[in-house]
């Protein structure tokens, strides 16, 4: 299990500048475009375009996502053990860029197969897609921990990351349906299957290019002290790291908050507000549910941009807790709204999403702090393993939230395309308000005992830099 790894450590170059921060952000724009397309359109694609039953797709999502979450620590360990001329984590952005786009295209391919073979094809391609996503996204996330050792600059990098992530999400929502429509109406595609295929090919080329640009535009500066690589010891160190457990719990809880709200939004507008309503904007007609979701993404983006300046003033922990307090309070208020209070509904969506968006860059920056703290305590650094756990928490949060959404709808007696009874309507309202608020409150409770303050981490960073200088 032990292998001598060549590591000398110091921050040998200047801190990341604006160009490098933008280059880093492009990587999450790439990830988020495909992630948003999967979240919003893949179920529809499988059922209405490829022709698989919704029940089979739901089972596939649950099984493949649990399997995929288990892959994250493996990828983190692999990254920690990698040594190349480009560093530990950057090379994966280059190596996985083309496979990421290629497998994404295969996921939205529609071969003419029997029903059972279609299901097998979907299992294989979706599983491969999630594995490739892990293969590029865990190293990309871990890269944040080695681009700089400065906690404030890490928060700034995390903010750039999520600003570009939400820009990528908004771009994906804006272009996918128009492109599918264009290919279908122009005659370039002979059927809906081809229209989706051509659309995803264009998206795949774009996101693969973004990952290559991230590879070219970033640098790894922080390298661990000379150490022997020991996976068992790294896992033991992680298992005794209280701060890691607390942040893991807070991360899963906050993502459950977001995923339940997102999953219930379309049902809220179709069954509670009423289908058929739309908003006219710059000549485009948008459904209320689509407008609600796009407004949420834009407000998330605003929250991400506010996270760094607020955290630099009052601290990351305080900003995280404060944001979740506000999000939970306004989520509770959301429950009292009636179907005709559309202005207030959209206003609260903007407020809730803005404060919920703040926690995303804070979480990733705090995981980088935990990697430093672990190295300070143990003399060993396992950046990839620690950051893989954050990716795992993200996937588990969305998986649990998605599963809860389905179970809750069934519990409240939901029947598709039927007039909802009062119990079902109240349940759907709760899924936009009281139930997510519980997740937000749970994240606050997890984070209250968290001890790694910004001032404490600055002292830790200084001590580590001294040790690294001495090891040269």
Protein backbone atom coordinates (compact mmCIF):
# COMPACT_ATOMS: atom_id res chain seq x y z
CA UNK A 1 0.00 0.00 0.00
CA UNK A 2 2.94 2.31 0.41
CA UNK A 3 4.75 4.08 -2.34
CA UNK A 4 7.22 6.93 -2.12
CA UNK A 5 5.85 9.95 -3.94
CA UNK A 6 8.09 12.73 -5.02
CA UNK A 7 6.71 15.91 -3.44
CA UNK A 8 8.40 19.11 -2.48
CA UNK A 9 6.26 21.85 -1.42
CA UNK A 10 5.92 25.52 -1.53
CA UNK A 11 3.83 27.96 -3.44
CA UNK A 12 6.46 28.59 -6.09
CA UNK A 13 4.62 31.07 -8.30
CA UNK A 14 2.43 34.13 -7.94
CA UNK A 15 -1.18 33.78 -6.90
CA UNK A 16 -3.90 33.14 -9.54
CA UNK A 17 -4.89 36.27 -11.44
CA UNK A 18 -8.13 37.15 -13.23
CA UNK A 19 -7.26 35.19 -16.38
CA UNK A 20 -6.54 32.03 -14.39
CA UNK A 21 -9.70 32.45 -12.30
CA UNK A 22 -11.74 32.70 -15.49
CA UNK A 23 -9.95 29.64 -16.91
CA UNK A 24 -10.82 27.73 -13.76
CA UNK A 25 -14.45 28.85 -13.97
CA UNK A 26 -14.77 27.56 -17.54
CA UNK A 27 -14.39 24.00 -16.25
CA UNK A 28 -17.53 24.19 -14.14
CA UNK A 29 -19.40 25.90 -16.98
CA UNK A 30 -18.64 22.74 -18.97
CA UNK A 31 -19.71 20.36 -16.20
CA UNK A 32 -22.85 22.32 -15.39
CA UNK A 33 -24.09 22.46 -18.96
CA UNK A 34 -24.27 18.68 -19.17
CA UNK A 35 -25.44 18.36 -15.55
CA UNK A 36 -28.33 20.77 -16.18
CA UNK A 37 -29.26 19.03 -19.42
CA UNK A 38 -29.33 15.70 -17.58
CA UNK A 39 -31.39 17.14 -14.74
CA UNK A 40 -33.96 18.91 -16.92
CA UNK A 41 -34.21 16.84 -20.09
CA UNK A 42 -32.82 13.33 -19.73
CA UNK A 43 -35.95 11.83 -18.16
CA UNK A 44 -38.05 13.40 -20.93
CA UNK A 45 -35.59 12.17 -23.57
CA UNK A 46 -35.70 8.60 -22.28
CA UNK A 47 -39.50 8.44 -22.03
CA UNK A 48 -40.71 10.56 -24.97
CA UNK A 49 -37.84 10.32 -27.47
CA UNK A 50 -36.07 7.02 -26.79
CA UNK A 51 -39.19 5.19 -25.62
CA UNK A 52 -38.39 3.78 -22.15
CA UNK A 53 -40.97 3.59 -19.38
CA UNK A 54 -40.76 6.19 -16.62
CA UNK A 55 -40.59 3.49 -13.93
CA UNK A 56 -37.59 1.86 -15.59
CA UNK A 57 -35.85 5.22 -15.88
CA UNK A 58 -36.49 6.06 -12.22
CA UNK A 59 -35.00 2.77 -11.10
CA UNK A 60 -32.01 3.29 -13.37
CA UNK A 61 -31.36 6.77 -11.98
CA UNK A 62 -31.37 5.50 -8.40
CA UNK A 63 -29.08 2.52 -9.04
CA UNK A 64 -26.59 4.30 -11.27
CA UNK A 65 -26.34 7.40 -9.06
CA UNK A 66 -25.64 5.39 -5.92
CA UNK A 67 -22.96 3.46 -7.81
CA UNK A 68 -21.58 6.70 -9.18
CA UNK A 69 -21.36 8.32 -5.74
CA UNK A 70 -19.26 5.36 -4.57
CA UNK A 71 -16.80 6.05 -7.40
CA UNK A 72 -15.93 9.54 -6.17
CA UNK A 73 -13.56 8.51 -3.34
CA UNK A 74 -11.84 6.07 -5.71
CA UNK A 75 -11.22 8.91 -8.17
CA UNK A 76 -10.01 11.13 -5.34
CA UNK A 77 -7.48 8.53 -4.22
CA UNK A 78 -6.33 8.05 -7.82
CA UNK A 79 -5.79 11.79 -8.18
CA UNK A 80 -3.76 11.94 -4.96
CA UNK A 81 -1.49 9.16 -6.25
CA UNK A 82 -1.01 10.77 -9.68
CA UNK A 83 2.30 12.48 -10.40
CA UNK A 84 2.87 14.00 -13.83
CA UNK A 85 4.64 16.94 -15.40
CA UNK A 86 1.30 18.77 -15.34
CA UNK A 87 0.61 18.02 -11.68
CA UNK A 88 -1.83 15.72 -9.92
CA UNK A 89 -5.25 16.94 -11.05
CA UNK A 90 -4.81 19.12 -14.17
CA UNK A 91 -3.94 16.19 -16.47
CA UNK A 92 -7.38 14.65 -16.00
CA UNK A 93 -8.97 17.77 -17.52
CA UNK A 94 -7.00 17.03 -20.69
CA UNK A 95 -7.33 13.25 -20.65
CA UNK A 96 -11.09 13.20 -19.97
CA UNK A 97 -12.23 16.18 -22.07
CA UNK A 98 -12.90 14.21 -25.27
CA UNK A 99 -14.40 11.12 -23.54
CA UNK A 100 -16.69 13.47 -21.58
CA UNK A 101 -18.17 14.89 -24.79
CA UNK A 102 -18.22 11.56 -26.65
CA UNK A 103 -20.05 9.63 -23.94
CA UNK A 104 -22.46 12.54 -23.52
CA UNK A 105 -23.42 12.16 -27.18
CA UNK A 106 -23.85 8.39 -26.80
CA UNK A 107 -26.14 8.98 -23.80
CA UNK A 108 -28.51 10.96 -26.04
CA UNK A 109 -28.21 8.56 -28.98
CA UNK A 110 -31.33 6.65 -29.99
CA UNK A 111 -30.46 3.29 -31.57
CA UNK A 112 -33.40 1.30 -32.90
CA UNK A 113 -33.55 -1.52 -30.37
CA UNK A 114 -36.10 -3.70 -28.64
CA UNK A 115 -37.49 -2.29 -25.37
CA UNK A 116 -35.33 -4.47 -23.09
CA UNK A 117 -32.24 -3.67 -25.15
CA UNK A 118 -33.00 0.04 -24.95
CA UNK A 119 -32.99 -0.24 -21.16
CA UNK A 120 -29.65 -2.05 -21.23
CA UNK A 121 -28.24 0.60 -23.56
CA UNK A 122 -29.47 3.35 -21.24
CA UNK A 123 -27.90 1.66 -18.20
CA UNK A 124 -24.55 1.28 -19.96
CA UNK A 125 -24.31 4.75 -21.48
CA UNK A 126 -25.67 6.62 -18.45
CA UNK A 127 -23.36 4.69 -16.11
CA UNK A 128 -20.41 5.48 -18.38
CA UNK A 129 -21.46 9.13 -18.48
CA UNK A 130 -21.53 9.39 -14.69
CA UNK A 131 -18.16 7.61 -14.42
CA UNK A 132 -16.58 9.97 -16.95
CA UNK A 133 -18.21 12.91 -15.16
CA UNK A 134 -16.56 11.71 -11.96
CA UNK A 135 -13.27 11.23 -13.79
CA UNK A 136 -13.14 14.89 -14.78
CA UNK A 137 -15.14 16.63 -12.05
CA UNK A 138 -13.38 15.22 -8.96
CA UNK A 139 -9.92 16.27 -10.25
CA UNK A 140 -11.39 19.62 -11.33
CA UNK A 141 -12.80 20.19 -7.84
CA UNK A 142 -9.55 19.07 -6.21
CA UNK A 143 -7.61 21.53 -8.35
CA UNK A 144 -9.01 24.35 -6.20
CA UNK A 145 -7.05 23.03 -3.22
CA UNK A 146 -3.68 23.18 -5.02
CA UNK A 147 -3.98 26.38 -7.07
CA UNK A 148 -3.34 28.47 -3.94
CA UNK A 149 -3.01 28.07 -0.18
CA UNK A 150 -4.58 31.48 0.52
CA UNK A 151 -8.06 30.94 2.06
CA UNK A 152 -9.42 34.24 0.71
CA UNK A 153 -8.24 33.54 -2.83
CA UNK A 154 -9.75 30.06 -2.58
CA UNK A 155 -13.10 31.63 -1.79
CA UNK A 156 -12.66 33.93 -4.79
CA UNK A 157 -11.79 30.95 -7.03
CA UNK A 158 -14.83 29.07 -5.74
CA UNK A 159 -17.00 32.09 -6.52
CA UNK A 160 -15.63 32.26 -10.07
CA UNK A 161 -16.29 28.56 -10.37
CA UNK A 162 -19.93 28.85 -9.43
CA UNK A 163 -20.55 32.05 -11.36
CA UNK A 164 -19.48 30.18 -14.48
CA UNK A 165 -21.39 27.08 -13.36
CA UNK A 166 -24.65 28.99 -13.27
CA UNK A 167 -23.83 30.79 -16.50
CA UNK A 168 -23.35 27.37 -18.07
CA UNK A 169 -26.66 26.17 -16.63
CA UNK A 170 -28.53 29.21 -17.93
CA UNK A 171 -26.90 28.79 -21.35
CA UNK A 172 -27.94 25.13 -21.46
CA UNK A 173 -31.54 26.01 -20.59
CA UNK A 174 -31.52 28.74 -23.23
CA UNK A 175 -30.15 26.79 -26.21
CA UNK A 176 -31.23 23.14 -25.99
CA UNK A 177 -34.90 23.41 -26.94
CA UNK A 178 -34.31 26.06 -29.65
CA UNK A 179 -31.56 23.93 -31.20
CA UNK A 180 -33.75 20.81 -31.17
CA UNK A 181 -36.54 22.83 -32.77
CA UNK A 182 -34.16 24.31 -35.36
CA UNK A 183 -32.76 20.94 -36.45
CA UNK A 184 -36.27 19.52 -36.66
CA UNK A 185 -37.87 22.37 -38.60
CA UNK A 186 -34.91 23.02 -40.93
CA UNK A 187 -34.96 19.49 -42.30
CA UNK A 188 -31.40 18.79 -41.17
CA UNK A 189 -32.81 16.14 -38.85
CA UNK A 190 -35.25 13.55 -40.18
CA UNK A 191 -36.86 12.87 -36.80
CA UNK A 192 -36.77 14.05 -33.15
CA UNK A 193 -34.09 11.49 -32.32
CA UNK A 194 -31.70 13.03 -34.85
CA UNK A 195 -32.58 16.56 -33.71
CA UNK A 196 -31.54 15.71 -30.15
CA UNK A 197 -28.43 13.92 -31.38
CA UNK A 198 -27.21 16.92 -33.40
CA UNK A 199 -27.96 19.28 -30.53
CA UNK A 200 -25.94 17.26 -28.04
CA UNK A 201 -23.06 16.91 -30.50
CA UNK A 202 -22.76 20.71 -30.64
CA UNK A 203 -22.94 20.98 -26.85
CA UNK A 204 -20.36 18.20 -26.47
CA UNK A 205 -17.85 19.94 -28.74
CA UNK A 206 -18.30 23.13 -26.76
CA UNK A 207 -17.90 21.59 -23.28
CA UNK A 208 -14.87 19.49 -24.30
CA UNK A 209 -13.21 22.66 -25.57
CA UNK A 210 -13.92 24.44 -22.27
CA UNK A 211 -12.20 21.66 -20.29
CA UNK A 212 -9.11 21.90 -22.50
CA UNK A 213 -9.03 25.67 -21.95
CA UNK A 214 -9.21 25.09 -18.19
CA UNK A 215 -6.26 22.71 -18.43
CA UNK A 216 -4.23 25.22 -20.42
CA UNK A 217 -5.08 28.22 -18.26
CA UNK A 218 -4.51 26.91 -14.71
CA UNK A 219 -1.51 25.93 -12.58
CA UNK A 220 -0.93 23.73 -9.56
CA UNK A 221 1.11 25.60 -6.96
CA UNK A 222 0.54 23.90 -3.61
CA UNK A 223 2.22 20.53 -3.25
CA UNK A 224 2.15 18.40 -0.11
CA UNK A 225 5.08 17.74 2.15
CA UNK A 226 7.22 14.76 1.18
CA UNK A 227 5.25 11.73 2.28
CA UNK A 228 4.56 8.09 1.63
CA UNK A 229 1.27 7.40 -0.10
CA UNK A 230 -0.84 5.17 2.15
CA UNK A 231 -4.51 4.85 1.27
CA UNK A 232 -5.46 3.14 4.51
CA UNK A 233 -3.84 5.89 6.55
CA UNK A 234 -5.53 8.57 4.42
CA UNK A 235 -8.92 6.95 5.06
CA UNK A 236 -8.21 6.69 8.79
CA UNK A 237 -7.21 10.35 8.88
CA UNK A 238 -10.44 11.28 7.12
CA UNK A 239 -12.55 9.14 9.46
CA UNK A 240 -11.24 11.04 12.48
CA UNK A 241 -11.66 14.51 10.94
CA UNK A 242 -14.69 15.99 12.72
CA UNK A 243 -14.75 19.11 10.54
CA UNK A 244 -15.06 16.91 7.43
CA UNK A 245 -18.07 15.05 8.86
CA UNK A 246 -19.80 18.28 9.83
CA UNK A 247 -19.31 19.86 6.42
CA UNK A 248 -20.36 16.64 4.68
CA UNK A 249 -23.63 16.65 6.63
CA UNK A 250 -24.22 20.34 5.97
CA UNK A 251 -23.51 19.87 2.27
CA UNK A 252 -25.89 16.93 1.83
CA UNK A 253 -28.63 18.76 3.77
CA UNK A 254 -28.32 21.97 1.74
CA UNK A 255 -28.41 20.03 -1.53
CA UNK A 256 -31.52 18.15 -0.41
CA UNK A 257 -33.03 21.61 0.16
CA UNK A 258 -32.29 22.59 -3.44
CA UNK A 259 -33.17 19.31 -5.15
CA UNK A 260 -36.62 18.95 -3.54
CA UNK A 261 -37.54 22.52 -4.48
CA UNK A 262 -36.32 22.01 -8.05
CA UNK A 263 -38.08 18.66 -8.40
CA UNK A 264 -41.41 20.01 -7.14
CA UNK A 265 -41.45 23.24 -9.17
CA UNK A 266 -43.04 21.87 -12.35
CA UNK A 267 -45.74 20.09 -10.32
CA UNK A 268 -46.38 23.29 -8.34
CA UNK A 269 -47.11 25.29 -11.47
CA UNK A 270 -49.00 22.58 -13.34
CA UNK A 271 -51.29 21.46 -10.53
CA UNK A 272 -51.41 24.34 -8.03
CA UNK A 273 -50.95 27.47 -10.15
CA UNK A 274 -52.46 26.01 -13.32
CA UNK A 275 -51.01 24.97 -16.67
CA UNK A 276 -51.26 27.16 -19.73
CA UNK A 277 -49.98 30.36 -18.14
CA UNK A 278 -46.92 31.96 -19.72
CA UNK A 279 -44.72 35.04 -19.60
CA UNK A 280 -43.84 37.14 -22.66
CA UNK A 281 -40.22 38.33 -22.61
CA UNK A 282 -38.41 39.97 -25.55
CA UNK A 283 -40.74 38.28 -27.98
CA UNK A 284 -40.38 34.83 -26.39
CA UNK A 285 -43.15 32.99 -24.61
CA UNK A 286 -41.91 31.18 -21.50
CA UNK A 287 -44.00 28.93 -19.29
CA UNK A 288 -44.32 30.04 -15.68
CA UNK A 289 -42.44 26.97 -14.48
CA UNK A 290 -39.54 27.62 -16.88
CA UNK A 291 -39.47 31.28 -15.86
CA UNK A 292 -39.46 30.22 -12.20
CA UNK A 293 -36.49 27.89 -12.76
CA UNK A 294 -34.48 30.36 -14.85
CA UNK A 295 -35.12 33.06 -12.24
CA UNK A 296 -33.81 30.62 -9.63
CA UNK A 297 -30.62 30.02 -11.61
CA UNK A 298 -30.06 33.75 -12.14
CA UNK A 299 -30.64 34.43 -8.43
CA UNK A 300 -28.27 31.58 -7.51
CA UNK A 301 -25.68 33.33 -9.65
CA UNK A 302 -26.22 36.58 -7.76
CA UNK A 303 -25.77 34.72 -4.48
CA UNK A 304 -22.54 33.16 -5.70
CA UNK A 305 -21.15 36.57 -6.63
CA UNK A 306 -22.01 37.91 -3.16
CA UNK A 307 -20.51 34.98 -1.26
CA UNK A 308 -16.84 36.01 -1.39
CA UNK A 309 -17.19 39.67 -0.31
CA UNK A 310 -19.56 38.77 2.52
CA UNK A 311 -17.44 35.82 3.66
CA UNK A 312 -14.29 37.96 3.59
CA UNK A 313 -16.03 40.37 5.95
CA UNK A 314 -17.79 38.07 8.42
CA UNK A 315 -16.30 34.61 7.72
CA UNK A 316 -17.34 31.58 5.69
CA UNK A 317 -19.12 29.71 8.48
CA UNK A 318 -21.16 32.76 9.49
CA UNK A 319 -22.08 33.47 5.86
CA UNK A 320 -23.14 29.85 5.27
CA UNK A 321 -25.32 29.75 8.39
CA UNK A 322 -26.81 33.20 7.75
CA UNK A 323 -27.70 32.30 4.16
CA UNK A 324 -29.43 29.09 5.23
CA UNK A 325 -31.34 30.92 7.99
CA UNK A 326 -32.73 33.41 5.46
CA UNK A 327 -33.50 30.67 2.92
CA UNK A 328 -35.35 28.59 5.52
CA UNK A 329 -37.38 31.53 6.87
CA UNK A 330 -38.57 32.64 3.42
CA UNK A 331 -39.26 29.00 2.46
CA UNK A 332 -41.61 28.75 5.43
CA UNK A 333 -43.32 31.99 4.35
CA UNK A 334 -43.66 30.51 0.82
CA UNK A 335 -46.12 27.92 2.15
CA UNK A 336 -48.73 30.59 2.95
CA UNK A 337 -48.95 31.94 -0.61
CA UNK A 338 -52.05 31.42 -2.74
CA UNK A 339 -52.08 30.63 -6.46
CA UNK A 340 -52.96 34.20 -7.46
CA UNK A 341 -49.94 35.77 -5.67
CA UNK A 342 -47.60 35.30 -8.61
CA UNK A 343 -45.57 38.44 -8.00
CA UNK A 344 -44.81 37.39 -4.42
CA UNK A 345 -44.13 33.80 -5.51
CA UNK A 346 -41.48 34.96 -7.98
CA UNK A 347 -40.07 37.50 -5.52
CA UNK A 348 -39.59 34.83 -2.85
CA UNK A 349 -38.07 32.48 -5.42
CA UNK A 350 -35.47 35.15 -6.19
CA UNK A 351 -34.69 35.77 -2.50
CA UNK A 352 -34.54 32.08 -1.52
CA UNK A 353 -32.40 31.16 -4.54
CA UNK A 354 -30.01 34.06 -3.98
CA UNK A 355 -29.23 33.03 -0.41
CA UNK A 356 -29.17 29.31 -1.28
CA UNK A 357 -26.65 30.10 -4.03
CA UNK A 358 -24.20 31.58 -1.52
CA UNK A 359 -23.44 28.24 0.09
CA UNK A 360 -22.07 26.56 -3.06
CA UNK A 361 -18.71 28.38 -3.32
CA UNK A 362 -18.40 28.43 0.46
CA UNK A 363 -18.63 24.64 0.68
CA UNK A 364 -15.84 24.05 -1.83
CA UNK A 365 -13.61 26.65 -0.25
CA UNK A 366 -14.21 25.08 3.17
CA UNK A 367 -13.26 21.64 1.84
CA UNK A 368 -9.92 23.15 0.76
CA UNK A 369 -9.52 24.44 4.33
CA UNK A 370 -10.22 20.94 5.65
CA UNK A 371 -7.48 19.54 3.38
CA UNK A 372 -5.03 22.04 4.91
CA UNK A 373 -6.21 21.26 8.43
CA UNK A 374 -5.80 17.54 7.84
CA UNK A 375 -2.25 18.08 6.56
CA UNK A 376 -1.49 20.27 9.60
CA UNK A 377 -2.69 17.56 12.02
CA UNK A 378 -1.23 14.52 10.30
CA UNK A 379 1.64 15.76 8.14
CA UNK A 380 -0.14 14.11 5.22
CA UNK A 381 -2.27 15.66 2.49
CA UNK A 382 -5.13 13.91 0.69
CA UNK A 383 -6.66 16.71 -1.36
CA UNK A 384 -8.30 14.43 -3.93
CA UNK A 385 -9.85 12.17 -1.32
CA UNK A 386 -11.29 15.11 0.64
CA UNK A 387 -12.63 16.87 -2.45
CA UNK A 388 -14.08 13.62 -3.79
CA UNK A 389 -16.18 13.47 -0.64
CA UNK A 390 -17.61 16.87 -1.48
CA UNK A 391 -18.53 15.64 -4.96
CA UNK A 392 -20.04 12.56 -3.34
CA UNK A 393 -22.11 14.75 -0.99
CA UNK A 394 -23.39 16.71 -3.98
CA UNK A 395 -24.50 13.56 -5.77
CA UNK A 396 -25.96 11.98 -2.64
CA UNK A 397 -27.86 15.17 -1.85
CA UNK A 398 -29.40 15.25 -5.30
CA UNK A 399 -30.06 11.49 -5.25
CA UNK A 400 -31.75 11.58 -1.83
CA UNK A 401 -33.65 14.74 -2.75
CA UNK A 402 -34.80 13.25 -6.04
CA UNK A 403 -35.91 10.02 -4.40
CA UNK A 404 -37.72 11.94 -1.64
CA UNK A 405 -39.54 14.00 -4.26
CA UNK A 406 -40.98 10.86 -5.85
CA UNK A 407 -41.83 9.23 -2.55
CA UNK A 408 -43.48 12.38 -1.21
CA UNK A 409 -45.64 12.77 -4.30
CA UNK A 410 -46.81 9.18 -3.90
CA UNK A 411 -47.41 9.73 -0.16
CA UNK A 412 -49.64 12.73 -0.90
CA UNK A 413 -51.70 10.72 -3.40
CA UNK A 414 -50.40 12.32 -6.58
CA UNK A 415 -51.76 10.97 -9.89
CA UNK A 416 -50.25 12.21 -13.12
CA UNK A 417 -52.47 14.30 -15.41
CA UNK A 418 -55.39 14.15 -12.98
CA UNK A 419 -57.01 16.98 -11.05
CA UNK A 420 -55.14 17.11 -7.74
CA UNK A 421 -57.14 16.80 -4.53
CA UNK A 422 -56.59 19.11 -1.56
CA UNK A 423 -54.17 16.75 0.22
CA UNK A 424 -52.02 16.48 -2.90
CA UNK A 425 -51.99 20.25 -3.39
CA UNK A 426 -50.96 20.83 0.21
CA UNK A 427 -48.22 18.25 -0.18
CA UNK A 428 -46.88 19.90 -3.33
CA UNK A 429 -46.90 23.27 -1.55
CA UNK A 430 -44.95 21.75 1.33
CA UNK A 431 -42.35 20.42 -1.12
CA UNK A 432 -41.63 24.01 -2.18
CA UNK A 433 -41.58 25.35 1.37
CA UNK A 434 -41.69 23.53 4.70
CA UNK A 435 -39.89 20.32 3.68
CA UNK A 436 -36.92 22.08 2.03
CA UNK A 437 -36.78 24.44 5.03
CA UNK A 438 -36.16 21.36 7.18
CA UNK A 439 -33.11 20.51 5.07
CA UNK A 440 -31.81 24.07 5.43
CA UNK A 441 -32.25 23.99 9.20
CA UNK A 442 -30.49 20.63 9.35
CA UNK A 443 -27.51 22.09 7.48
CA UNK A 444 -27.32 24.88 10.07
CA UNK A 445 -27.29 22.38 12.93
CA UNK A 446 -24.47 20.44 11.28
CA UNK A 447 -22.37 23.56 10.85
CA UNK A 448 -22.79 25.11 14.30
CA UNK A 449 -19.98 22.99 15.88
CA UNK A 450 -17.63 23.63 12.92
CA UNK A 451 -14.41 25.15 14.34
CA UNK A 452 -12.28 26.09 11.31
CA UNK A 453 -12.67 29.88 11.34
CA UNK A 454 -11.02 32.03 8.69
CA UNK A 455 -8.50 33.46 11.17
CA UNK A 456 -7.65 29.98 12.42
CA UNK A 457 -7.11 28.78 8.84
CA UNK A 458 -4.84 31.73 8.06
CA UNK A 459 -2.64 30.66 10.98
CA UNK A 460 -2.71 27.06 9.75
CA UNK A 461 -1.74 28.20 6.24
CA UNK A 462 1.20 30.17 7.60
CA UNK A 463 2.43 27.19 9.62
CA UNK A 464 2.16 24.87 6.63
CA UNK A 465 4.06 27.28 4.40
CA UNK A 466 6.86 27.39 6.97
CA UNK A 467 7.05 23.59 7.00
CA UNK A 468 7.00 23.49 3.22
CA UNK A 469 9.81 26.00 2.96
CA UNK A 470 11.86 23.99 5.44
CA UNK A 471 11.36 20.82 3.40
CA UNK A 472 12.98 22.30 0.28
